[in-house]
Every structure is written in structure tokens, then in C-alpha cells.
Amino acid sequence: MNEKNKPIYDQIIDNLKKYRKRQGLTQQGLAMRAHMSPGYLSQIEAKNYDRFCSLDMLIALAEGLHVPLYCLFLPEDRDPQTPGE
């Protein structure tokens, strides 16, 4: 990972966690929806940048959260109130 991109990765990961928790989902619940292993999602959320996911996986996670993909990239101050709800 290029260090200059770290803030973008952090934003995506923080949003994944925020939307997952907002919906009352566990990592296992979201992993099932996104057709991935809970361990892999755990590594992503732990900010293990060597294991960051592909665009296809980000799309699957956004679909599992019922939020538009772009919401995962938004800064905190641009967060739609209740996307997908």
C-alpha cells in the first residue's frame, strides 16, 4: 500500500464499521451477506492493509450493508443520515 493512500483506506474501513454497527450486524452477519469469511472481514476492519480487499469485495460489502458504494468513501461530515434504511 502506498502510504499517501492510508487516509482513504482508513475512511473506507471506518465507514464499513459504522454502517455495520448502525444496522446491528456482527462481523459474522455482514460476512455472510457479502459471501466472505468472518476472519477476512475482521482483518479488514483491524486495518490490516496487507489484506485489504478488492473493488469486487467492496461492492459485495456495500450490497451486504444495503448502502451505495460511494457511501464507503465519504468523509464523516458528508455522511448521509440513513443510507439503505
PDB file of N, CA and C in Angstrom:
ATOM      1  N   MET A   1       0.834  -1.174   0.000  1.00  0.00           N
ATOM      2  CA  MET A   1       0.000   0.000   0.000  1.00  0.00           C
ATOM      3  C   MET A   1       0.881   1.240   0.000  1.00  0.00           C
ATOM      4  N   ASN A   2       0.503   2.189  -0.801  1.00  0.00           N
ATOM      5  CA  ASN A   2       1.181   3.470  -0.835  1.00  0.00           C
ATOM      6  C   ASN A   2       0.729   4.276   0.391  1.00  0.00           C
ATOM      7  N   GLU A   3       1.661   4.751   1.181  1.00  0.00           N
ATOM      8  CA  GLU A   3       1.349   5.467   2.427  1.00  0.00           C
ATOM      9  C   GLU A   3       0.431   6.666   2.211  1.00  0.00           C
ATOM     10  N   LYS A   4       0.545   7.321   1.070  1.00  0.00           N
ATOM     11  CA  LYS A   4      -0.305   8.501   0.836  1.00  0.00           C
ATOM     12  C   LYS A   4      -1.781   8.117   0.724  1.00  0.00           C
ATOM     13  N   ASN A   5      -2.085   6.847   0.457  1.00  0.00           N
ATOM     14  CA  ASN A   5      -3.468   6.385   0.343  1.00  0.00           C
ATOM     15  C   ASN A   5      -4.056   5.907   1.668  1.00  0.00           C
ATOM     16  N   LYS A   6      -3.234   5.849   2.713  1.00  0.00           N
ATOM     17  CA  LYS A   6      -3.694   5.341   4.000  1.00  0.00           C
ATOM     18  C   LYS A   6      -4.947   6.051   4.514  1.00  0.00           C
ATOM     19  N   PRO A   7      -5.050   7.381   4.411  1.00  0.00           N
ATOM     20  CA  PRO A   7      -6.281   8.034   4.882  1.00  0.00           C
ATOM     21  C   PRO A   7      -7.538   7.566   4.140  1.00  0.00           C
ATOM     22  N   ILE A   8      -7.403   7.235   2.876  1.00  0.00           N
ATOM     23  CA  ILE A   8      -8.550   6.746   2.114  1.00  0.00           C
ATOM     24  C   ILE A   8      -8.945   5.355   2.605  1.00  0.00           C
ATOM     25  N   TYR A   9      -7.972   4.491   2.802  1.00  0.00           N
ATOM     26  CA  TYR A   9      -8.244   3.163   3.343  1.00  0.00           C
ATOM     27  C   TYR A   9      -8.910   3.287   4.716  1.00  0.00           C
ATOM     28  N   ASP A  10      -8.374   4.164   5.553  1.00  0.00           N
ATOM     29  CA  ASP A  10      -8.943   4.353   6.885  1.00  0.00           C
ATOM     30  C   ASP A  10     -10.397   4.793   6.802  1.00  0.00           C
ATOM     31  N   GLN A  11     -10.702   5.715   5.888  1.00  0.00           N
ATOM     32  CA  GLN A  11     -12.072   6.209   5.737  1.00  0.00           C
ATOM     33  C   GLN A  11     -13.013   5.080   5.324  1.00  0.00           C
ATOM     34  N   ILE A  12     -12.598   4.276   4.368  1.00  0.00           N
ATOM     35  CA  ILE A  12     -13.424   3.159   3.905  1.00  0.00           C
ATOM     36  C   ILE A  12     -13.682   2.185   5.055  1.00  0.00           C
ATOM     37  N   ILE A  13     -12.646   1.838   5.771  1.00  0.00           N
ATOM     38  CA  ILE A  13     -12.767   0.874   6.870  1.00  0.00           C
ATOM     39  C   ILE A  13     -13.646   1.440   7.979  1.00  0.00           C
ATOM     40  N   ASP A  14     -13.437   2.697   8.331  1.00  0.00           N
ATOM     41  CA  ASP A  14     -14.257   3.320   9.369  1.00  0.00           C
ATOM     42  C   ASP A  14     -15.729   3.329   8.960  1.00  0.00           C
ATOM     43  N   ASN A  15     -15.999   3.610   7.691  1.00  0.00           N
ATOM     44  CA  ASN A  15     -17.382   3.604   7.219  1.00  0.00           C
ATOM     45  C   ASN A  15     -17.976   2.196   7.221  1.00  0.00           C
ATOM     46  N   LEU A  16     -17.197   1.200   6.835  1.00  0.00           N
ATOM     47  CA  LEU A  16     -17.689  -0.183   6.900  1.00  0.00           C
ATOM     48  C   LEU A  16     -18.155  -0.514   8.316  1.00  0.00           C
ATOM     49  N   LYS A  17     -17.307  -0.212   9.275  1.00  0.00           N
ATOM     50  CA  LYS A  17     -17.648  -0.499  10.677  1.00  0.00           C
ATOM     51  C   LYS A  17     -18.869   0.293  11.117  1.00  0.00           C
ATOM     52  N   LYS A  18     -18.911   1.564  10.749  1.00  0.00           N
ATOM     53  CA  LYS A  18     -20.018   2.431  11.169  1.00  0.00           C
ATOM     54  C   LYS A  18     -21.353   1.905  10.636  1.00  0.00           C
ATOM     55  N   TYR A  19     -21.409   1.597   9.348  1.00  0.00           N
ATOM     56  CA  TYR A  19     -22.669   1.123   8.772  1.00  0.00           C
ATOM     57  C   TYR A  19     -23.036  -0.266   9.303  1.00  0.00           C
ATOM     58  N   ARG A  20     -22.033  -1.104   9.531  1.00  0.00           N
ATOM     59  CA  ARG A  20     -22.310  -2.441  10.085  1.00  0.00           C
ATOM     60  C   ARG A  20     -22.918  -2.311  11.482  1.00  0.00           C
ATOM     61  N   LYS A  21     -22.304  -1.493  12.311  1.00  0.00           N
ATOM     62  CA  LYS A  21     -22.800  -1.317  13.683  1.00  0.00           C
ATOM     63  C   LYS A  21     -24.141  -0.600  13.705  1.00  0.00           C
ATOM     64  N   ARG A  22     -24.313   0.357  12.818  1.00  0.00           N
ATOM     65  CA  ARG A  22     -25.580   1.095  12.743  1.00  0.00           C
ATOM     66  C   ARG A  22     -26.740   0.140  12.463  1.00  0.00           C
ATOM     67  N   GLN A  23     -26.464  -0.903  11.702  1.00  0.00           N
ATOM     68  CA  GLN A  23     -27.501  -1.871  11.355  1.00  0.00           C
ATOM     69  C   GLN A  23     -27.577  -3.022  12.348  1.00  0.00           C
ATOM     70  N   GLY A  24     -26.752  -2.978  13.387  1.00  0.00           N
ATOM     71  CA  GLY A  24     -26.783  -4.022  14.398  1.00  0.00           C
ATOM     72  C   GLY A  24     -26.227  -5.349  13.918  1.00  0.00           C
ATOM     73  N   LEU A  25     -25.361  -5.294  12.919  1.00  0.00           N
ATOM     74  CA  LEU A  25     -24.762  -6.521  12.365  1.00  0.00           C
ATOM     75  C   LEU A  25     -23.445  -6.851  13.054  1.00  0.00           C
ATOM     76  N   THR A  26     -23.212  -8.120  13.249  1.00  0.00           N
ATOM     77  CA  THR A  26     -21.903  -8.584  13.695  1.00  0.00           C
ATOM     78  C   THR A  26     -21.015  -8.723  12.455  1.00  0.00           C
ATOM     79  N   GLN A  27     -19.727  -8.916  12.696  1.00  0.00           N
ATOM     80  CA  GLN A  27     -18.840  -9.190  11.562  1.00  0.00           C
ATOM     81  C   GLN A  27     -19.289 -10.459  10.851  1.00  0.00           C
ATOM     82  N   GLN A  28     -19.693 -11.441  11.609  1.00  0.00           N
ATOM     83  CA  GLN A  28     -20.143 -12.699  11.003  1.00  0.00           C
ATOM     84  C   GLN A  28     -21.387 -12.471  10.141  1.00  0.00           C
ATOM     85  N   GLY A  29     -22.312 -11.661  10.633  1.00  0.00           N
ATOM     86  CA  GLY A  29     -23.530 -11.385   9.869  1.00  0.00           C
ATOM     87  C   GLY A  29     -23.236 -10.686   8.557  1.00  0.00           C
ATOM     88  N   LEU A  30     -22.367  -9.669   8.592  1.00  0.00           N
ATOM     89  CA  LEU A  30     -22.012  -8.969   7.354  1.00  0.00           C
ATOM     90  C   LEU A  30     -21.216  -9.880   6.432  1.00  0.00           C
ATOM     91  N   ALA A  31     -20.315 -10.650   6.995  1.00  0.00           N
ATOM     92  CA  ALA A  31     -19.522 -11.571   6.176  1.00  0.00           C
ATOM     93  C   ALA A  31     -20.426 -12.547   5.426  1.00  0.00           C
ATOM     94  N   MET A  32     -21.455 -13.037   6.098  1.00  0.00           N
ATOM     95  CA  MET A  32     -22.393 -13.946   5.429  1.00  0.00           C
ATOM     96  C   MET A  32     -23.102 -13.239   4.284  1.00  0.00           C
ATOM     97  N   ARG A  33     -23.549 -12.025   4.523  1.00  0.00           N
ATOM     98  CA  ARG A  33     -24.236 -11.263   3.469  1.00  0.00           C
ATOM     99  C   ARG A  33     -23.330 -10.993   2.274  1.00  0.00           C
ATOM    100  N   ALA A  34     -22.038 -10.768   2.558  1.00  0.00           N
ATOM    101  CA  ALA A  34     -21.080 -10.414   1.493  1.00  0.00           C
ATOM    102  C   ALA A  34     -20.369 -11.636   0.918  1.00  0.00           C
ATOM    103  N   HIS A  35     -20.717 -12.824   1.408  1.00  0.00           N
ATOM    104  CA  HIS A  35     -20.121 -14.073   0.913  1.00  0.00           C
ATOM    105  C   HIS A  35     -18.596 -14.077   1.073  1.00  0.00           C
ATOM    106  N   MET A  36     -18.172 -13.760   2.299  1.00  0.00           N
ATOM    107  CA  MET A  36     -16.755 -13.783   2.620  1.00  0.00           C
ATOM    108  C   MET A  36     -16.592 -14.386   4.012  1.00  0.00           C
ATOM    109  N   SER A  37     -15.388 -14.728   4.377  1.00  0.00           N
ATOM    110  CA  SER A  37     -15.174 -15.322   5.697  1.00  0.00           C
ATOM    111  C   SER A  37     -15.170 -14.226   6.763  1.00  0.00           C
ATOM    112  N   PRO A  38     -15.699 -14.538   7.951  1.00  0.00           N
ATOM    113  CA  PRO A  38     -15.650 -13.560   9.034  1.00  0.00           C
ATOM    114  C   PRO A  38     -14.215 -13.165   9.390  1.00  0.00           C
ATOM    115  N   GLY A  39     -13.281 -14.093   9.274  1.00  0.00           N
ATOM    116  CA  GLY A  39     -11.882 -13.800   9.560  1.00  0.00           C
ATOM    117  C   GLY A  39     -11.307 -12.751   8.623  1.00  0.00           C
ATOM    118  N   TYR A  40     -11.688 -12.832   7.359  1.00  0.00           N
ATOM    119  CA  TYR A  40     -11.204 -11.862   6.376  1.00  0.00           C
ATOM    120  C   TYR A  40     -11.768 -10.478   6.680  1.00  0.00           C
ATOM    121  N   LEU A  41     -13.068 -10.403   7.007  1.00  0.00           N
ATOM    122  CA  LEU A  41     -13.665  -9.129   7.360  1.00  0.00           C
ATOM    123  C   LEU A  41     -13.011  -8.567   8.619  1.00  0.00           C
ATOM    124  N   SER A  42     -12.725  -9.420   9.565  1.00  0.00           N
ATOM    125  CA  SER A  42     -12.056  -8.989  10.791  1.00  0.00           C
ATOM    126  C   SER A  42     -10.701  -8.372  10.479  1.00  0.00           C
ATOM    127  N   GLN A  43      -9.961  -8.980   9.573  1.00  0.00           N
ATOM    128  CA  GLN A  43      -8.645  -8.437   9.198  1.00  0.00           C
ATOM    129  C   GLN A  43      -8.779  -7.086   8.500  1.00  0.00           C
ATOM    130  N   ILE A  44      -9.801  -6.939   7.681  1.00  0.00           N
ATOM    131  CA  ILE A  44     -10.039  -5.650   7.014  1.00  0.00           C
ATOM    132  C   ILE A  44     -10.346  -4.585   8.056  1.00  0.00           C
ATOM    133  N   GLU A  45     -11.296  -4.903   8.962  1.00  0.00           N
ATOM    134  CA  GLU A  45     -11.700  -3.922   9.970  1.00  0.00           C
ATOM    135  C   GLU A  45     -10.579  -3.611  10.956  1.00  0.00           C
ATOM    136  N   ALA A  46      -9.638  -4.514  11.125  1.00  0.00           N
ATOM    137  CA  ALA A  46      -8.493  -4.276  12.008  1.00  0.00           C
ATOM    138  C   ALA A  46      -7.418  -3.439  11.317  1.00  0.00           C
ATOM    139  N   LYS A  47      -7.712  -3.008  10.118  1.00  0.00           N
ATOM    140  CA  LYS A  47      -6.808  -2.181   9.317  1.00  0.00           C
ATOM    141  C   LYS A  47      -5.497  -2.896   9.005  1.00  0.00           C
ATOM    142  N   ASN A  48      -5.649  -4.160   8.652  1.00  0.00           N
ATOM    143  CA  ASN A  48      -4.521  -4.948   8.166  1.00  0.00           C
ATOM    144  C   ASN A  48      -4.397  -4.637   6.674  1.00  0.00           C
ATOM    145  N   TYR A  49      -3.624  -3.619   6.357  1.00  0.00           N
ATOM    146  CA  TYR A  49      -3.575  -3.101   4.994  1.00  0.00           C
ATOM    147  C   TYR A  49      -3.030  -4.103   3.985  1.00  0.00           C
ATOM    148  N   ASP A  50      -2.270  -5.077   4.450  1.00  0.00           N
ATOM    149  CA  ASP A  50      -1.768  -6.103   3.538  1.00  0.00           C
ATOM    150  C   ASP A  50      -2.888  -7.016   3.058  1.00  0.00           C
ATOM    151  N   ARG A  51      -4.018  -7.010   3.763  1.00  0.00           N
ATOM    152  CA  ARG A  51      -5.143  -7.873   3.419  1.00  0.00           C
ATOM    153  C   ARG A  51      -6.346  -7.066   2.942  1.00  0.00           C
ATOM    154  N   PHE A  52      -6.110  -5.831   2.474  1.00  0.00           N
ATOM    155  CA  PHE A  52      -7.243  -5.009   2.052  1.00  0.00           C
ATOM    156  C   PHE A  52      -7.917  -5.639   0.849  1.00  0.00           C
ATOM    157  N   CYS A  53      -9.201  -5.443   0.754  1.00  0.00           N
ATOM    158  CA  CYS A  53      -9.995  -6.172  -0.242  1.00  0.00           C
ATOM    159  C   CYS A  53     -10.010  -5.498  -1.609  1.00  0.00           C
ATOM    160  N   SER A  54     -10.497  -6.236  -2.569  1.00  0.00           N
ATOM    161  CA  SER A  54     -10.612  -5.762  -3.944  1.00  0.00           C
ATOM    162  C   SER A  54     -11.864  -4.901  -4.100  1.00  0.00           C
ATOM    163  N   LEU A  55     -11.985  -4.255  -5.239  1.00  0.00           N
ATOM    164  CA  LEU A  55     -13.178  -3.482  -5.546  1.00  0.00           C
ATOM    165  C   LEU A  55     -14.406  -4.388  -5.566  1.00  0.00           C
ATOM    166  N   ASP A  56     -14.277  -5.585  -6.108  1.00  0.00           N
ATOM    167  CA  ASP A  56     -15.393  -6.528  -6.115  1.00  0.00           C
ATOM    168  C   ASP A  56     -15.871  -6.824  -4.699  1.00  0.00           C
ATOM    169  N   MET A  57     -14.936  -6.971  -3.770  1.00  0.00           N
ATOM    170  CA  MET A  57     -15.310  -7.254  -2.390  1.00  0.00           C
ATOM    171  C   MET A  57     -15.940  -6.028  -1.738  1.00  0.00           C
ATOM    172  N   LEU A  58     -15.445  -4.826  -2.045  1.00  0.00           N
ATOM    173  CA  LEU A  58     -16.071  -3.618  -1.522  1.00  0.00           C
ATOM    174  C   LEU A  58     -17.511  -3.496  -2.009  1.00  0.00           C
ATOM    175  N   ILE A  59     -17.742  -3.848  -3.267  1.00  0.00           N
ATOM    176  CA  ILE A  59     -19.104  -3.824  -3.811  1.00  0.00           C
ATOM    177  C   ILE A  59     -19.980  -4.811  -3.058  1.00  0.00           C
ATOM    178  N   ALA A  60     -19.464  -6.012  -2.807  1.00  0.00           N
ATOM    179  CA  ALA A  60     -20.229  -7.021  -2.068  1.00  0.00           C
ATOM    180  C   ALA A  60     -20.524  -6.548  -0.648  1.00  0.00           C
ATOM    181  N   LEU A  61     -19.563  -5.898  -0.005  1.00  0.00           N
ATOM    182  CA  LEU A  61     -19.787  -5.375   1.348  1.00  0.00           C
ATOM    183  C   LEU A  61     -20.837  -4.269   1.341  1.00  0.00           C
ATOM    184  N   ALA A  62     -20.758  -3.353   0.376  1.00  0.00           N
ATOM    185  CA  ALA A  62     -21.760  -2.288   0.276  1.00  0.00           C
ATOM    186  C   ALA A  62     -23.149  -2.883   0.050  1.00  0.00           C
ATOM    187  N   GLU A  63     -23.239  -3.887  -0.821  1.00  0.00           N
ATOM    188  CA  GLU A  63     -24.525  -4.547  -1.054  1.00  0.00           C
ATOM    189  C   GLU A  63     -25.013  -5.240   0.213  1.00  0.00           C
ATOM    190  N   GLY A  64     -24.105  -5.871   0.951  1.00  0.00           N
ATOM    191  CA  GLY A  64     -24.464  -6.522   2.200  1.00  0.00           C
ATOM    192  C   GLY A  64     -24.961  -5.543   3.250  1.00  0.00           C
ATOM    193  N   LEU A  65     -24.466  -4.322   3.173  1.00  0.00           N
ATOM    194  CA  LEU A  65     -24.888  -3.262   4.096  1.00  0.00           C
ATOM    195  C   LEU A  65     -26.095  -2.484   3.570  1.00  0.00           C
ATOM    196  N   HIS A  66     -26.476  -2.737   2.326  1.00  0.00           N
ATOM    197  CA  HIS A  66     -27.585  -2.024   1.670  1.00  0.00           C
ATOM    198  C   HIS A  66     -27.309  -0.528   1.603  1.00  0.00           C
ATOM    199  N   VAL A  67     -26.057  -0.191   1.288  1.00  0.00           N
ATOM    200  CA  VAL A  67     -25.688   1.218   1.090  1.00  0.00           C
ATOM    201  C   VAL A  67     -25.035   1.342  -0.281  1.00  0.00           C
ATOM    202  N   PRO A  68     -25.187   2.499  -0.931  1.00  0.00           N
ATOM    203  CA  PRO A  68     -24.477   2.716  -2.186  1.00  0.00           C
ATOM    204  C   PRO A  68     -22.961   2.664  -1.944  1.00  0.00           C
ATOM    205  N   LEU A  69     -22.237   2.142  -2.889  1.00  0.00           N
ATOM    206  CA  LEU A  69     -20.787   2.003  -2.760  1.00  0.00           C
ATOM    207  C   LEU A  69     -20.116   3.325  -2.397  1.00  0.00           C
ATOM    208  N   TYR A  70     -20.571   4.414  -2.987  1.00  0.00           N
ATOM    209  CA  TYR A  70     -19.906   5.704  -2.734  1.00  0.00           C
ATOM    210  C   TYR A  70     -19.940   6.096  -1.260  1.00  0.00           C
ATOM    211  N   CYS A  71     -20.930   5.607  -0.497  1.00  0.00           N
ATOM    212  CA  CYS A  71     -21.016   5.952   0.925  1.00  0.00           C
ATOM    213  C   CYS A  71     -19.799   5.465   1.707  1.00  0.00           C
ATOM    214  N   LEU A  72     -19.158   4.412   1.239  1.00  0.00           N
ATOM    215  CA  LEU A  72     -17.977   3.902   1.931  1.00  0.00           C
ATOM    216  C   LEU A  72     -16.787   4.847   1.792  1.00  0.00           C
ATOM    217  N   PHE A  73     -16.844   5.742   0.814  1.00  0.00           N
ATOM    218  CA  PHE A  73     -15.742   6.667   0.543  1.00  0.00           C
ATOM    219  C   PHE A  73     -15.965   8.062   1.122  1.00  0.00           C
ATOM    220  N   LEU A  74     -17.152   8.325   1.645  1.00  0.00           N
ATOM    221  CA  LEU A  74     -17.471   9.672   2.121  1.00  0.00           C
ATOM    222  C   LEU A  74     -16.801   9.992   3.446  1.00  0.00           C
ATOM    223  N   PRO A  75     -16.308  11.220   3.593  1.00  0.00           N
ATOM    224  CA  PRO A  75     -15.789  11.644   4.894  1.00  0.00           C
ATOM    225  C   PRO A  75     -16.942  11.742   5.897  1.00  0.00           C
ATOM    226  N   GLU A  76     -16.608  11.706   7.158  1.00  0.00           N
ATOM    227  CA  GLU A  76     -17.612  11.704   8.230  1.00  0.00           C
ATOM    228  C   GLU A  76     -18.601  12.858   8.104  1.00  0.00           C
ATOM    229  N   ASP A  77     -18.126  14.034   7.733  1.00  0.00           N
ATOM    230  CA  ASP A  77     -19.002  15.201   7.668  1.00  0.00           C
ATOM    231  C   ASP A  77     -19.933  15.199   6.459  1.00  0.00           C
ATOM    232  N   ARG A  78     -19.804  14.208   5.586  1.00  0.00           N
ATOM    233  CA  ARG A  78     -20.677  14.104   4.411  1.00  0.00           C
ATOM    234  C   ARG A  78     -21.534  12.851   4.464  1.00  0.00           C
ATOM    235  N   ASP A  79     -21.661  12.252   5.629  1.00  0.00           N
ATOM    236  CA  ASP A  79     -22.401  11.010   5.831  1.00  0.00           C
ATOM    237  C   ASP A  79     -23.899  11.233   5.655  1.00  0.00           C
ATOM    238  N   PRO A  80     -24.519  10.523   4.700  1.00  0.00           N
ATOM    239  CA  PRO A  80     -25.987  10.580   4.625  1.00  0.00           C
ATOM    240  C   PRO A  80     -26.565  10.001   5.934  1.00  0.00           C
ATOM    241  N   GLN A  81     -27.639  10.549   6.394  1.00  0.00           N
ATOM    242  CA  GLN A  81     -28.176  10.151   7.690  1.00  0.00           C
ATOM    243  C   GLN A  81     -28.510   8.675   7.783  1.00  0.00           C
ATOM    244  N   THR A  82     -29.255   8.160   6.842  1.00  0.00           N
ATOM    245  CA  THR A  82     -29.688   6.764   6.955  1.00  0.00           C
ATOM    246  C   THR A  82     -29.659   6.072   5.597  1.00  0.00           C
ATOM    247  N   PRO A  83     -28.494   5.919   4.981  1.00  0.00           N
ATOM    248  CA  PRO A  83     -28.471   5.255   3.684  1.00  0.00           C
ATOM    249  C   PRO A  83     -28.909   3.806   3.810  1.00  0.00           C
ATOM    250  N   GLY A  84     -29.751   3.384   2.890  1.00  0.00           N
ATOM    251  CA  GLY A  84     -30.153   1.979   2.853  1.00  0.00           C
ATOM    252  C   GLY A  84     -31.165   1.593   3.910  1.00  0.00           C
ATOM    253  N   GLU A  85     -31.568   2.527   4.750  1.00  0.00           N
ATOM    254  CA  GLU A  85     -32.518   2.185   5.800  1.00  0.00           C
ATOM    255  C   GLU A  85     -33.876   2.753   5.471  1.00  0.00           C
TER     256      GLU A  85
END
